[in-house]
């Protein structure tokens, strides 16, 4: 009967129903057909939400929106541009580095794409960059927002897998930096080939001035990680402090966050949290059906019985994840593929922290690919161009992302070095 659920899920997606509703309705369809008490839906929908670590997600979302409304992006852009202005395609390079910095603040790729893109994309178009390249670099660079800690998506992965949030945070640091600098190198190569403009370097006085303006933000990720690593606070407590810290910076330090901005930040955070919770709750029912029907273990046994060498099998799993990221939203994909793939990779001897990081980055590439890429839609909307116009400029970054995922998948030390160093 579980196959009817899968068929119903894809049919509902094809006719245009949002993914959370598609997953929830198809799972309820299975429950009704199997005469399972419908109360299980409410029980599964809410029970796992009563998880203290999971409460960190709305706090990090709020922190990101408060930072965005406080004009943090503008200050970081000015600082980074004053340092690397002479690089080919300087504003494109600024987009990448700013996204890496904001990743340590907001933990959200969508928030980074919106806040950075709103400033840089119009400016890049004025300076002679093509609209398609401006949108492409913003959409791709913001992906590091959910890889470099803190990451709200990693909290969801930890919640699904019962892994340590701190270990997942640390595991994402080096791969996120590798991905960011790979995109930076790609931007320099493309910009040099297309003769995109450079910018003027700032004087020492200007650099120091911009540094002072954004110092409150630059040291913020280090404070968060210090609190987690040395046990000063739990991840939920750190997230709550992050939201409060963001409010203090915007309202009292920068004085750029007014009451209207605060209300809009709270409203947007509530909306985004509702979307995440709807996805998580619906996916939770869907994954419960998968586990009840023993589908993950059945698929794992079938795959392992083929007898493929571990390196080939790992590559096959990565290809599936790349394709899944392109056609599905990130959070539902986590609930679908973690129960199915974990028994396989554990049998292969992979560390679950290592594979969780690889899985996240492989699926995250779908954030800037059609047809459902969230950062792609935001960037194209800001640049006022169609998605089809950006495909050519996205391709080199997508290929680069694939190569980075393969690199960290086959060289686990790149992922596990920092967690092993701390623990």
Protein backbone atom coordinates (compact mmCIF):
# COMPACT_ATOMS: atom_id res chain seq x y z
CA UNK A 1 0.00 0.00 0.00
CA UNK A 2 2.95 2.33 0.49
CA UNK A 3 3.38 2.45 -3.28
CA UNK A 4 -0.06 4.06 -3.54
CA UNK A 5 1.23 6.73 -1.19
CA UNK A 6 4.22 7.39 -3.45
CA UNK A 7 2.01 7.54 -6.54
CA UNK A 8 -0.40 9.90 -4.81
CA UNK A 9 2.50 12.07 -3.66
CA UNK A 10 3.88 12.55 -7.18
CA UNK A 11 0.42 13.05 -8.70
CA UNK A 12 -0.35 15.81 -6.21
CA UNK A 13 2.99 17.50 -6.94
CA UNK A 14 2.36 17.30 -10.70
CA UNK A 15 -1.03 19.01 -10.39
CA UNK A 16 0.62 21.83 -8.45
CA UNK A 17 -0.18 21.15 -4.81
CA UNK A 18 2.54 22.43 -2.43
CA UNK A 19 4.94 19.73 -1.27
CA UNK A 20 3.96 19.80 2.44
CA UNK A 21 0.30 19.21 1.52
CA UNK A 22 1.28 16.56 -1.05
CA UNK A 23 3.25 14.61 1.54
CA UNK A 24 0.62 14.97 4.25
CA UNK A 25 -2.38 14.07 2.08
CA UNK A 26 -0.68 11.07 0.46
CA UNK A 27 0.36 9.77 3.92
CA UNK A 28 -3.19 10.23 5.25
CA UNK A 29 -4.45 8.39 2.16
CA UNK A 30 -2.27 5.42 3.17
CA UNK A 31 -3.45 5.60 6.79
CA UNK A 32 -7.14 5.60 5.82
CA UNK A 33 -6.76 2.71 3.36
CA UNK A 34 -5.00 0.63 6.03
CA UNK A 35 -7.70 1.39 8.64
CA UNK A 36 -5.14 2.94 10.98
CA UNK A 37 -6.70 5.27 13.57
CA UNK A 38 -6.63 8.76 12.13
CA UNK A 39 -5.48 10.05 15.51
CA UNK A 40 -2.00 8.88 14.55
CA UNK A 41 -1.84 11.86 12.17
CA UNK A 42 -2.26 14.38 14.96
CA UNK A 43 0.06 12.42 17.21
CA UNK A 44 2.88 12.26 14.62
CA UNK A 45 2.19 15.81 13.47
CA UNK A 46 2.87 17.36 16.87
CA UNK A 47 4.69 14.89 19.10
CA UNK A 48 8.17 15.32 17.65
CA UNK A 49 7.77 19.11 17.64
CA UNK A 50 8.18 18.93 21.41
CA UNK A 51 11.93 18.77 20.99
CA UNK A 52 14.00 21.35 22.85
CA UNK A 53 16.84 21.46 20.25
CA UNK A 54 14.31 21.98 17.46
CA UNK A 55 13.18 25.25 19.08
CA UNK A 56 16.47 26.72 17.86
CA UNK A 57 15.12 26.86 14.29
CA UNK A 58 12.61 29.73 14.75
CA UNK A 59 15.16 31.67 16.83
CA UNK A 60 17.81 31.45 14.09
CA UNK A 61 15.20 32.44 11.51
CA UNK A 62 14.30 35.48 13.61
CA UNK A 63 17.97 36.36 14.05
CA UNK A 64 18.48 36.33 10.29
CA UNK A 65 15.49 38.60 9.63
CA UNK A 66 16.54 41.04 12.36
CA UNK A 67 20.03 41.23 10.87
CA UNK A 68 18.57 41.77 7.42
CA UNK A 69 16.31 44.59 8.63
CA UNK A 70 19.23 46.17 10.49
CA UNK A 71 21.24 46.82 7.32
CA UNK A 72 24.01 44.41 8.29
CA UNK A 73 24.50 43.33 4.68
CA UNK A 74 25.33 46.87 3.57
CA UNK A 75 28.03 47.26 6.22
CA UNK A 76 29.64 43.90 5.44
CA UNK A 77 29.54 44.62 1.70
CA UNK A 78 31.34 47.94 2.21
CA UNK A 79 34.00 46.29 4.37
CA UNK A 80 34.64 43.36 2.00
CA UNK A 81 34.64 45.58 -1.08
CA UNK A 82 37.23 47.91 0.47
CA UNK A 83 39.60 44.92 0.87
CA UNK A 84 39.16 42.90 -2.35
CA UNK A 85 38.11 45.64 -4.77
CA UNK A 86 40.99 44.96 -7.17
CA UNK A 87 39.95 41.37 -7.89
CA UNK A 88 38.41 40.75 -11.34
CA UNK A 89 34.64 40.98 -11.04
CA UNK A 90 35.01 42.54 -7.62
CA UNK A 91 31.30 42.82 -6.83
CA UNK A 92 30.78 39.19 -7.77
CA UNK A 93 33.61 38.23 -5.41
CA UNK A 94 32.05 40.43 -2.74
CA UNK A 95 28.79 38.52 -3.15
CA UNK A 96 30.54 35.22 -2.41
CA UNK A 97 32.52 36.40 0.61
CA UNK A 98 29.58 38.31 2.10
CA UNK A 99 27.45 35.18 1.81
CA UNK A 100 30.12 33.22 3.67
CA UNK A 101 30.15 35.82 6.46
CA UNK A 102 26.36 36.06 6.66
CA UNK A 103 26.19 32.25 6.80
CA UNK A 104 27.68 32.51 10.27
CA UNK A 105 24.95 34.94 11.29
CA UNK A 106 21.62 33.94 9.77
CA UNK A 107 21.97 30.22 9.06
CA UNK A 108 19.63 30.65 6.10
CA UNK A 109 20.42 30.65 2.38
CA UNK A 110 17.11 32.29 1.51
CA UNK A 111 17.71 35.19 3.92
CA UNK A 112 21.24 35.66 2.56
CA UNK A 113 20.03 35.63 -1.04
CA UNK A 114 17.37 38.23 -0.31
CA UNK A 115 19.45 40.62 1.81
CA UNK A 116 22.65 40.48 -0.27
CA UNK A 117 20.92 40.33 -3.63
CA UNK A 118 18.73 43.35 -2.94
CA UNK A 119 21.89 45.46 -2.61
CA UNK A 120 24.42 43.86 -4.94
CA UNK A 121 22.37 42.78 -7.96
CA UNK A 122 21.13 46.29 -8.90
CA UNK A 123 24.64 47.69 -8.27
CA UNK A 124 26.25 44.97 -10.40
CA UNK A 125 23.88 45.73 -13.27
CA UNK A 126 24.82 49.42 -13.06
CA UNK A 127 28.53 48.55 -13.24
CA UNK A 128 28.16 46.52 -16.45
CA UNK A 129 27.60 42.99 -15.18
CA UNK A 130 24.96 41.05 -17.07
CA UNK A 131 21.66 40.49 -15.29
CA UNK A 132 22.02 36.74 -15.70
CA UNK A 133 25.48 36.63 -14.11
CA UNK A 134 24.41 38.93 -11.27
CA UNK A 135 21.47 36.66 -10.47
CA UNK A 136 23.54 33.49 -10.87
CA UNK A 137 26.33 34.52 -8.50
CA UNK A 138 23.85 35.66 -5.86
CA UNK A 139 21.80 32.46 -6.09
CA UNK A 140 24.81 30.15 -5.92
CA UNK A 141 26.92 31.91 -3.30
CA UNK A 142 24.03 32.10 -0.82
CA UNK A 143 23.90 28.29 -0.67
CA UNK A 144 26.76 28.33 1.85
CA UNK A 145 24.27 29.90 4.28
CA UNK A 146 23.01 26.48 5.37
CA UNK A 147 26.43 24.80 5.37
CA UNK A 148 28.70 27.09 7.38
CA UNK A 149 27.50 27.04 11.01
CA UNK A 150 25.12 27.89 12.48
CA UNK A 151 22.63 26.22 10.18
CA UNK A 152 18.93 25.77 10.83
CA UNK A 153 18.84 22.91 8.30
CA UNK A 154 21.55 21.03 10.19
CA UNK A 155 19.40 21.29 13.30
CA UNK A 156 16.63 19.51 11.40
CA UNK A 157 19.10 16.82 10.27
CA UNK A 158 20.28 16.35 13.86
CA UNK A 159 16.66 16.08 14.96
CA UNK A 160 15.90 13.39 12.35
CA UNK A 161 19.04 11.36 12.95
CA UNK A 162 19.61 11.94 16.71
CA UNK A 163 23.12 13.16 15.91
CA UNK A 164 24.95 15.92 17.78
CA UNK A 165 24.03 19.40 16.53
CA UNK A 166 27.45 20.70 17.53
CA UNK A 167 29.28 17.96 15.62
CA UNK A 168 27.18 18.68 12.53
CA UNK A 169 27.91 22.40 12.86
CA UNK A 170 31.65 21.73 13.06
CA UNK A 171 31.49 19.23 10.20
CA UNK A 172 29.96 21.84 7.90
CA UNK A 173 32.59 24.53 8.52
CA UNK A 174 35.44 23.28 6.31
CA UNK A 175 33.25 22.02 3.42
CA UNK A 176 31.34 25.33 3.48
CA UNK A 177 34.59 27.29 3.24
CA UNK A 178 35.84 25.01 0.43
CA UNK A 179 32.60 25.52 -1.49
CA UNK A 180 32.69 29.27 -0.93
CA UNK A 181 36.29 29.67 -2.11
CA UNK A 182 35.60 27.38 -5.09
CA UNK A 183 32.81 29.73 -6.14
CA UNK A 184 35.11 32.68 -5.53
CA UNK A 185 37.74 31.20 -7.84
CA UNK A 186 35.09 30.43 -10.47
CA UNK A 187 33.84 34.03 -10.25
CA UNK A 188 37.36 35.41 -10.77
CA UNK A 189 37.94 33.17 -13.81
CA UNK A 190 34.61 34.08 -15.43
CA UNK A 191 34.99 37.79 -14.64
CA UNK A 192 38.49 37.92 -16.11
CA UNK A 193 37.26 36.20 -19.26
CA UNK A 194 34.34 38.61 -19.66
CA UNK A 195 36.25 41.73 -18.57
CA UNK A 196 33.93 42.55 -15.69
CA UNK A 197 35.06 45.67 -13.79
CA UNK A 198 37.19 45.95 -10.68
CA UNK A 199 36.65 48.41 -7.83
CA UNK A 200 38.89 50.81 -5.96
CA UNK A 201 40.64 49.58 -2.84
CA UNK A 202 39.76 51.43 0.33
CA UNK A 203 42.35 53.39 2.25
CA UNK A 204 43.47 52.09 5.63
CA UNK A 205 41.25 54.68 7.25
CA UNK A 206 38.22 53.53 5.21
CA UNK A 207 38.94 49.86 5.89
CA UNK A 208 39.19 50.51 9.62
CA UNK A 209 35.99 52.57 9.52
CA UNK A 210 34.03 49.81 7.75
CA UNK A 211 35.55 47.20 10.06
CA UNK A 212 34.33 49.06 13.14
CA UNK A 213 30.83 49.29 11.63
CA UNK A 214 30.50 45.54 11.14
CA UNK A 215 32.76 44.27 13.94
CA UNK A 216 29.69 43.47 16.03
CA UNK A 217 28.63 41.03 13.32
CA UNK A 218 32.03 39.64 12.33
CA UNK A 219 32.75 38.34 15.84
CA UNK A 220 29.23 37.05 16.34
CA UNK A 221 29.74 33.54 14.80
CA UNK A 222 32.87 33.01 16.92
CA UNK A 223 30.89 33.83 20.07
CA UNK A 224 28.18 31.34 19.10
CA UNK A 225 30.63 28.53 18.38
CA UNK A 226 32.60 29.25 21.56
CA UNK A 227 29.40 28.95 23.59
CA UNK A 228 28.56 25.61 21.98
CA UNK A 229 32.02 24.06 22.00
CA UNK A 230 32.75 24.89 25.64
CA UNK A 231 29.27 24.03 26.88
CA UNK A 232 28.33 27.54 27.92
CA UNK A 233 24.90 27.11 26.34
CA UNK A 234 22.83 24.61 24.36
CA UNK A 235 22.05 25.20 20.69
CA UNK A 236 18.55 26.44 21.56
CA UNK A 237 19.90 28.85 24.15
CA UNK A 238 22.52 30.06 21.68
CA UNK A 239 19.81 30.62 19.04
CA UNK A 240 17.73 32.62 21.53
CA UNK A 241 20.76 34.73 22.43
CA UNK A 242 21.45 35.20 18.71
CA UNK A 243 17.97 36.63 18.17
CA UNK A 244 18.30 38.93 21.18
CA UNK A 245 21.82 39.98 20.11
CA UNK A 246 20.53 40.79 16.61
CA UNK A 247 17.81 42.97 18.11
CA UNK A 248 20.29 44.83 20.33
CA UNK A 249 22.65 45.48 17.42
CA UNK A 250 19.94 46.73 15.10
CA UNK A 251 17.96 48.77 17.63
CA UNK A 252 20.60 50.23 19.95
CA UNK A 253 24.01 49.92 18.24
CA UNK A 254 23.30 50.65 14.57
CA UNK A 255 19.93 52.29 15.32
CA UNK A 256 18.77 51.21 11.86
CA UNK A 257 16.03 48.89 13.13
CA UNK A 258 12.86 50.81 13.95
CA UNK A 259 9.56 49.51 15.31
CA UNK A 260 8.14 48.97 11.82
CA UNK A 261 11.23 46.96 10.87
CA UNK A 262 10.93 44.93 14.05
CA UNK A 263 7.29 44.12 13.35
CA UNK A 264 8.10 43.12 9.75
CA UNK A 265 10.99 40.94 10.96
CA UNK A 266 8.70 39.20 13.45
CA UNK A 267 6.00 38.76 10.80
CA UNK A 268 8.41 37.37 8.18
CA UNK A 269 9.96 35.08 10.77
CA UNK A 270 6.54 33.74 11.74
CA UNK A 271 5.71 33.06 8.09
CA UNK A 272 9.02 31.31 7.40
CA UNK A 273 8.78 29.29 10.60
CA UNK A 274 5.27 28.21 9.65
CA UNK A 275 6.50 27.01 6.25
CA UNK A 276 9.34 25.05 7.83
CA UNK A 277 7.08 23.54 10.49
CA UNK A 278 4.45 22.58 7.90
CA UNK A 279 7.12 20.80 5.86
CA UNK A 280 8.61 19.07 8.90
CA UNK A 281 5.26 17.93 10.30
CA UNK A 282 3.98 16.61 6.96
CA UNK A 283 7.29 14.94 6.19
CA UNK A 284 7.24 13.38 9.65
CA UNK A 285 3.98 11.56 8.87
CA UNK A 286 5.35 10.53 5.46
CA UNK A 287 8.57 9.13 6.95
CA UNK A 288 6.57 7.31 9.64
CA UNK A 289 4.77 5.40 6.88
CA UNK A 290 8.10 4.58 5.23
CA UNK A 291 9.48 3.17 8.46
CA UNK A 292 6.23 1.32 9.29
CA UNK A 293 6.36 -0.44 5.93
CA UNK A 294 10.07 -1.18 6.47
CA UNK A 295 10.81 0.47 3.12
CA UNK A 296 14.23 1.95 4.05
CA UNK A 297 15.64 -1.43 5.10
CA UNK A 298 14.06 -3.17 2.11
CA UNK A 299 15.62 -0.69 -0.30
CA UNK A 300 18.94 -0.88 1.54
CA UNK A 301 19.03 -4.68 1.28
CA UNK A 302 18.12 -4.54 -2.40
CA UNK A 303 20.83 -1.99 -3.16
CA UNK A 304 23.50 -3.77 -1.15
CA UNK A 305 22.61 -7.12 -2.73
CA UNK A 306 23.69 -5.80 -6.13
CA UNK A 307 27.26 -6.05 -4.90
CA UNK A 308 28.60 -2.75 -6.21
CA UNK A 309 31.98 -1.63 -4.84
CA UNK A 310 31.55 1.00 -2.14
CA UNK A 311 33.05 3.88 -4.21
CA UNK A 312 30.66 3.17 -7.10
CA UNK A 313 27.70 2.78 -4.75
CA UNK A 314 28.53 6.09 -3.07
CA UNK A 315 28.68 7.80 -6.46
CA UNK A 316 25.27 6.35 -7.34
CA UNK A 317 23.80 7.74 -4.11
CA UNK A 318 25.27 11.16 -4.87
CA UNK A 319 23.74 11.18 -8.35
CA UNK A 320 20.34 10.42 -6.85
CA UNK A 321 20.76 13.26 -4.36
CA UNK A 322 21.80 15.72 -7.08
CA UNK A 323 18.69 14.87 -9.09
CA UNK A 324 16.42 14.91 -6.01
CA UNK A 325 17.73 18.35 -5.04
CA UNK A 326 16.79 19.69 -8.45
CA UNK A 327 13.18 18.49 -8.40
CA UNK A 328 12.27 18.68 -4.69
CA UNK A 329 12.47 21.01 -1.71
CA UNK A 330 15.33 20.54 0.71
CA UNK A 331 13.48 19.70 3.95
CA UNK A 332 11.11 17.06 2.47
CA UNK A 333 14.10 15.48 0.72
CA UNK A 334 15.81 15.12 4.08
CA UNK A 335 12.88 13.16 5.48
CA UNK A 336 12.69 10.95 2.38
CA UNK A 337 16.35 10.11 1.82
CA UNK A 338 17.85 10.02 5.32
CA UNK A 339 15.80 6.94 6.39
CA UNK A 340 16.53 5.24 3.05
CA UNK A 341 20.22 6.04 2.65
CA UNK A 342 21.43 5.83 6.24
CA UNK A 343 21.20 2.01 6.48
CA UNK A 344 23.17 1.79 3.22
CA UNK A 345 26.00 4.14 4.19
CA UNK A 346 26.26 2.66 7.70
CA UNK A 347 26.70 -0.76 6.10
CA UNK A 348 29.40 0.81 3.93
CA UNK A 349 31.17 2.03 7.06
CA UNK A 350 30.67 5.78 6.53
CA UNK A 351 30.52 8.02 9.57
CA UNK A 352 26.92 9.34 9.90
CA UNK A 353 28.22 12.88 10.58
CA UNK A 354 30.27 12.70 7.39
CA UNK A 355 27.40 11.44 5.28
CA UNK A 356 24.92 13.92 6.75
CA UNK A 357 27.18 16.77 5.66
CA UNK A 358 27.63 15.31 2.19
CA UNK A 359 23.88 14.76 1.87
CA UNK A 360 23.10 18.33 2.92
CA UNK A 361 25.50 19.92 0.44
CA UNK A 362 24.39 17.63 -2.41
CA UNK A 363 20.74 18.53 -1.83
CA UNK A 364 21.58 22.20 -1.20
CA UNK A 365 22.80 22.59 -4.79
CA UNK A 366 19.15 22.27 -5.74
CA UNK A 367 18.48 25.64 -4.09
CA UNK A 368 19.81 27.39 -7.19
CA UNK A 369 18.59 25.00 -9.89
CA UNK A 370 15.18 24.99 -11.59
CA UNK A 371 12.36 24.17 -11.21
CA UNK A 372 12.10 24.70 -7.41
CA UNK A 373 15.33 26.52 -6.45
CA UNK A 374 14.45 29.03 -3.73
CA UNK A 375 17.56 31.23 -4.02
CA UNK A 376 17.25 31.12 -7.81
CA UNK A 377 13.69 32.44 -7.71
CA UNK A 378 14.67 35.24 -5.31
CA UNK A 379 17.70 36.26 -7.36
CA UNK A 380 15.82 36.24 -10.66
CA UNK A 381 13.03 38.28 -9.11
CA UNK A 382 15.50 40.92 -7.92
CA UNK A 383 17.33 40.94 -11.28
CA UNK A 384 13.97 41.04 -13.14
CA UNK A 385 14.82 38.23 -15.55
CA UNK A 386 13.42 34.81 -16.31
CA UNK A 387 14.86 31.65 -14.84
CA UNK A 388 15.64 30.28 -18.30
CA UNK A 389 17.95 33.25 -18.90
CA UNK A 390 20.23 32.29 -16.00
CA UNK A 391 20.80 28.61 -16.82
CA UNK A 392 23.98 29.22 -18.85
CA UNK A 393 25.61 31.24 -16.06
CA UNK A 394 24.50 28.77 -13.39
CA UNK A 395 26.03 25.72 -15.09
CA UNK A 396 29.72 26.34 -14.17
CA UNK A 397 28.75 26.86 -10.53
CA UNK A 398 26.59 23.73 -10.47
CA UNK A 399 29.46 21.66 -11.90
CA UNK A 400 31.84 23.20 -9.35
CA UNK A 401 29.41 22.32 -6.56
CA UNK A 402 29.22 18.71 -7.77
CA UNK A 403 33.01 18.44 -7.78
CA UNK A 404 33.19 19.81 -4.22
CA UNK A 405 30.58 17.29 -3.03
CA UNK A 406 32.50 14.43 -4.64
CA UNK A 407 35.73 15.72 -3.06
CA UNK A 408 34.34 15.80 0.49
CA UNK A 409 32.50 12.50 -0.03
CA UNK A 410 35.67 10.60 -0.93
CA UNK A 411 37.97 12.47 1.46
CA UNK A 412 36.18 12.30 4.83
CA UNK A 413 39.03 14.04 6.64
CA UNK A 414 37.89 17.32 5.08
CA UNK A 415 34.60 16.95 6.94
CA UNK A 416 35.65 15.14 10.10
CA UNK A 417 38.90 16.98 10.88
CA UNK A 418 37.29 19.74 12.93
CA UNK A 419 34.77 17.57 14.86
CA UNK A 420 37.53 15.07 15.67
CA UNK A 421 39.81 17.90 16.78
CA UNK A 422 37.23 19.18 19.28
CA UNK A 423 35.91 15.80 20.40
